[in-house]
């Protein structure tokens, strides 16, 4: 099972299934990681194998949707002492998107009809016990059209198989936690007012 991602810049990349986190386990950062960036995603489960899928038929190839986040590790070797505000440029690290447990894609998933009303909001919260939990991202802009357009693009490059995940980044990756300013941060998300994930990142 692969996770195919359409990045916010429009590129297509694949993440291995070892990067998939769906059990709400705390994430302990390896010593060589200086921090994490996050990008919110809308994702779908592929229910039919296909290659070079036309946009007209893409709706037949997925059966459920949900929201999650992708984490991008910021590594010592490429950080070079940059401040947290400069960290998005460190996404160029070749391995930052394939590390274990950095694709937070929760299940169970939702029927695609939850996207059509425009009333169901995905909210992402983050914080610490001392600073409190705050909302850092919210959207109701997810749509079937986004997913189907991504499936068309992805399937032109890679074969999609049953059980694969097609994910669309909804915003540019932003700083989430840095070893320099925080050693512990709680991350949680909700959709349709239901909890999706809730875990700690421990540096």
Protein backbone atom coordinates (compact mmCIF):
# COMPACT_ATOMS: atom_id res chain seq x y z
CA UNK A 1 0.00 0.00 0.00
CA UNK A 2 1.34 3.40 -0.98
CA UNK A 3 0.33 6.93 -0.08
CA UNK A 4 0.30 9.11 -3.18
CA UNK A 5 0.45 12.83 -2.40
CA UNK A 6 -0.31 15.87 -4.50
CA UNK A 7 1.76 18.53 -2.76
CA UNK A 8 0.54 22.09 -2.36
CA UNK A 9 2.91 23.10 -5.17
CA UNK A 10 1.29 20.51 -7.46
CA UNK A 11 4.06 17.89 -7.45
CA UNK A 12 3.30 14.19 -7.01
CA UNK A 13 5.27 12.16 -4.47
CA UNK A 14 4.76 8.77 -2.85
CA UNK A 15 5.12 7.86 0.80
CA UNK A 16 5.62 4.25 1.96
CA UNK A 17 3.05 2.51 4.15
CA UNK A 18 5.59 2.54 7.01
CA UNK A 19 4.96 6.30 7.26
CA UNK A 20 1.24 5.74 7.99
CA UNK A 21 0.17 6.61 11.55
CA UNK A 22 -3.43 5.86 12.51
CA UNK A 23 -3.22 4.61 16.10
CA UNK A 24 -2.75 7.91 17.99
CA UNK A 25 0.60 6.80 19.39
CA UNK A 26 2.91 9.56 20.61
CA UNK A 27 5.68 10.44 18.16
CA UNK A 28 9.19 10.46 19.65
CA UNK A 29 11.51 12.43 17.37
CA UNK A 30 14.86 10.79 16.57
CA UNK A 31 17.95 12.67 17.76
CA UNK A 32 18.80 13.81 14.24
CA UNK A 33 15.45 15.62 13.83
CA UNK A 34 15.40 19.31 14.78
CA UNK A 35 11.66 19.77 14.28
CA UNK A 36 8.62 19.06 12.16
CA UNK A 37 6.60 20.96 9.60
CA UNK A 38 2.98 20.05 8.94
CA UNK A 39 0.69 20.21 5.94
CA UNK A 40 -3.08 19.54 6.26
CA UNK A 41 -4.47 17.07 3.73
CA UNK A 42 -7.74 15.78 2.36
CA UNK A 43 -7.34 12.10 1.47
CA UNK A 44 -9.30 9.27 -0.11
CA UNK A 45 -9.09 5.46 -0.08
CA UNK A 46 -8.64 3.88 -3.51
CA UNK A 47 -11.18 1.08 -4.06
CA UNK A 48 -10.36 0.12 -7.67
CA UNK A 49 -7.01 -0.37 -9.35
CA UNK A 50 -6.21 1.91 -12.25
CA UNK A 51 -3.62 3.68 -14.38
CA UNK A 52 -4.01 6.88 -16.43
CA UNK A 53 -7.51 7.48 -15.04
CA UNK A 54 -9.49 10.20 -16.81
CA UNK A 55 -11.09 12.92 -14.71
CA UNK A 56 -14.53 11.84 -15.92
CA UNK A 57 -14.07 8.40 -14.35
CA UNK A 58 -12.00 9.26 -11.25
CA UNK A 59 -15.06 9.21 -8.98
CA UNK A 60 -15.33 5.46 -9.47
CA UNK A 61 -11.90 4.83 -7.97
CA UNK A 62 -12.37 5.91 -4.34
CA UNK A 63 -14.98 5.07 -1.73
CA UNK A 64 -14.23 7.10 1.42
CA UNK A 65 -12.54 10.34 2.50
CA UNK A 66 -11.06 11.99 5.56
CA UNK A 67 -8.71 14.74 6.69
CA UNK A 68 -5.28 14.41 8.26
CA UNK A 69 -1.81 15.91 8.32
CA UNK A 70 1.55 15.09 6.79
CA UNK A 71 4.67 15.74 8.84
CA UNK A 72 7.99 16.72 7.32
CA UNK A 73 11.07 16.22 9.46
CA UNK A 74 13.64 19.00 9.63
CA UNK A 75 17.05 17.33 9.85
CA UNK A 76 20.24 18.51 11.53
CA UNK A 77 22.24 18.04 8.35
CA UNK A 78 20.16 20.58 6.41
CA UNK A 79 19.04 22.96 9.16
CA UNK A 80 22.35 24.86 9.49
CA UNK A 81 21.20 26.87 12.47
CA UNK A 82 18.18 28.44 10.81
CA UNK A 83 15.43 29.90 12.95
CA UNK A 84 11.99 28.24 13.14
CA UNK A 85 10.55 30.83 10.74
CA UNK A 86 12.99 29.65 8.08
CA UNK A 87 12.23 25.94 8.40
CA UNK A 88 9.88 25.50 5.38
CA UNK A 89 12.92 25.70 3.09
CA UNK A 90 14.27 22.55 4.77
CA UNK A 91 11.57 20.47 3.06
CA UNK A 92 14.12 19.82 0.34
CA UNK A 93 15.66 17.09 2.49
CA UNK A 94 15.44 13.94 0.44
CA UNK A 95 14.13 11.69 3.23
CA UNK A 96 11.89 14.03 5.25
CA UNK A 97 8.68 12.66 3.68
CA UNK A 98 9.42 8.93 4.01
CA UNK A 99 10.14 8.67 7.74
CA UNK A 100 8.07 6.35 9.93
CA UNK A 101 4.75 7.60 11.32
CA UNK A 102 4.77 10.98 9.55
CA UNK A 103 1.54 10.43 7.57
CA UNK A 104 -1.25 11.02 10.10
CA UNK A 105 -4.22 9.67 8.12
CA UNK A 106 -6.90 8.52 10.58
CA UNK A 107 -9.61 5.92 10.21
CA UNK A 108 -12.48 5.16 10.15
CA UNK A 109 -13.13 7.29 7.11
CA UNK A 110 -16.21 9.21 5.96
CA UNK A 111 -18.61 9.01 3.05
CA UNK A 112 -17.80 11.53 0.32
CA UNK A 113 -21.22 13.12 0.91
CA UNK A 114 -19.74 14.82 3.99
CA UNK A 115 -17.82 17.10 1.61
CA UNK A 116 -20.78 18.25 -0.43
CA UNK A 117 -22.64 20.39 2.13
CA UNK A 118 -19.72 22.70 2.85
CA UNK A 119 -20.79 22.74 6.50
CA UNK A 120 -18.42 20.14 7.92
CA UNK A 121 -15.19 21.68 9.16
CA UNK A 122 -11.79 20.09 9.66
CA UNK A 123 -10.02 21.69 12.61
CA UNK A 124 -6.42 21.20 13.67
CA UNK A 125 -5.33 22.12 17.19
CA UNK A 126 -1.86 22.29 18.66
CA UNK A 127 -0.19 23.42 21.87
CA UNK A 128 1.36 22.53 25.18
CA UNK A 129 0.01 22.26 28.70
CA UNK A 130 1.60 25.58 29.63
CA UNK A 131 0.63 27.62 26.56
CA UNK A 132 -2.76 25.95 26.07
CA UNK A 133 -4.29 24.31 23.02
CA UNK A 134 -5.11 26.60 20.09
CA UNK A 135 -6.58 26.16 16.64
CA UNK A 136 -3.88 26.45 13.99
CA UNK A 137 -5.88 25.45 10.91
CA UNK A 138 -9.51 25.06 9.88
CA UNK A 139 -11.23 24.50 6.54
CA UNK A 140 -14.50 23.46 4.93
CA UNK A 141 -13.12 23.80 1.40
CA UNK A 142 -12.44 20.10 0.75
CA UNK A 143 -14.26 18.72 -2.28
CA UNK A 144 -14.63 15.61 -4.40
CA UNK A 145 -13.32 17.67 -7.32
CA UNK A 146 -9.99 18.11 -5.51
CA UNK A 147 -9.63 14.38 -4.99
CA UNK A 148 -10.68 13.44 -8.50
CA UNK A 149 -8.31 15.95 -10.07
CA UNK A 150 -5.48 14.55 -7.94
CA UNK A 151 -6.34 10.95 -8.89
CA UNK A 152 -6.14 11.92 -12.56
CA UNK A 153 -2.69 13.48 -12.04
CA UNK A 154 -1.35 10.69 -9.82
CA UNK A 155 -2.52 7.84 -12.01
CA UNK A 156 -0.70 9.32 -14.97
CA UNK A 157 2.57 8.73 -13.12
CA UNK A 158 1.96 5.72 -10.87
CA UNK A 159 -0.43 2.79 -10.86
CA UNK A 160 -3.05 3.07 -8.12
CA UNK A 161 -4.02 -0.14 -6.33
CA UNK A 162 -6.88 -1.11 -4.06
CA UNK A 163 -6.11 0.15 -0.56
CA UNK A 164 -3.78 2.94 -1.67
CA UNK A 165 -4.33 6.44 -0.29
CA UNK A 166 -4.60 9.54 -2.48
CA UNK A 167 -3.86 12.69 -0.44
CA UNK A 168 -4.11 16.35 -1.45
CA UNK A 169 -2.20 18.99 0.51
CA UNK A 170 -4.44 21.92 1.38
CA UNK A 171 -1.78 24.40 2.50
CA UNK A 172 1.95 24.95 2.32
CA UNK A 173 3.92 23.17 5.01
CA UNK A 174 4.28 25.30 8.15
CA UNK A 175 6.36 24.98 11.34
CA UNK A 176 4.78 22.79 14.00
CA UNK A 177 7.48 22.07 16.59
CA UNK A 178 11.17 22.81 17.00
CA UNK A 179 13.63 21.23 19.38
CA UNK A 180 14.93 24.74 20.04
CA UNK A 181 11.69 26.19 21.41
CA UNK A 182 9.61 23.23 22.58
CA UNK A 183 10.22 19.63 23.65
CA UNK A 184 6.60 18.50 23.83
CA UNK A 185 3.53 19.46 21.82
CA UNK A 186 0.04 18.00 21.62
CA UNK A 187 -1.62 17.74 18.19
CA UNK A 188 -5.29 16.92 17.61
CA UNK A 189 -7.81 17.12 14.82
CA UNK A 190 -11.59 16.97 14.40
CA UNK A 191 -14.01 16.66 11.48
CA UNK A 192 -17.81 16.81 11.66
CA UNK A 193 -17.14 17.62 15.36
CA UNK A 194 -15.74 14.10 15.82
CA UNK A 195 -12.20 13.44 17.03
CA UNK A 196 -9.83 12.25 14.30
CA UNK A 197 -6.49 12.04 16.10
CA UNK A 198 -4.88 13.19 19.33
CA UNK A 199 -1.20 12.57 20.07
CA UNK A 200 1.96 14.15 21.43
CA UNK A 201 5.16 14.98 19.59
CA UNK A 202 8.07 14.60 21.98
CA UNK A 203 11.47 15.96 21.03
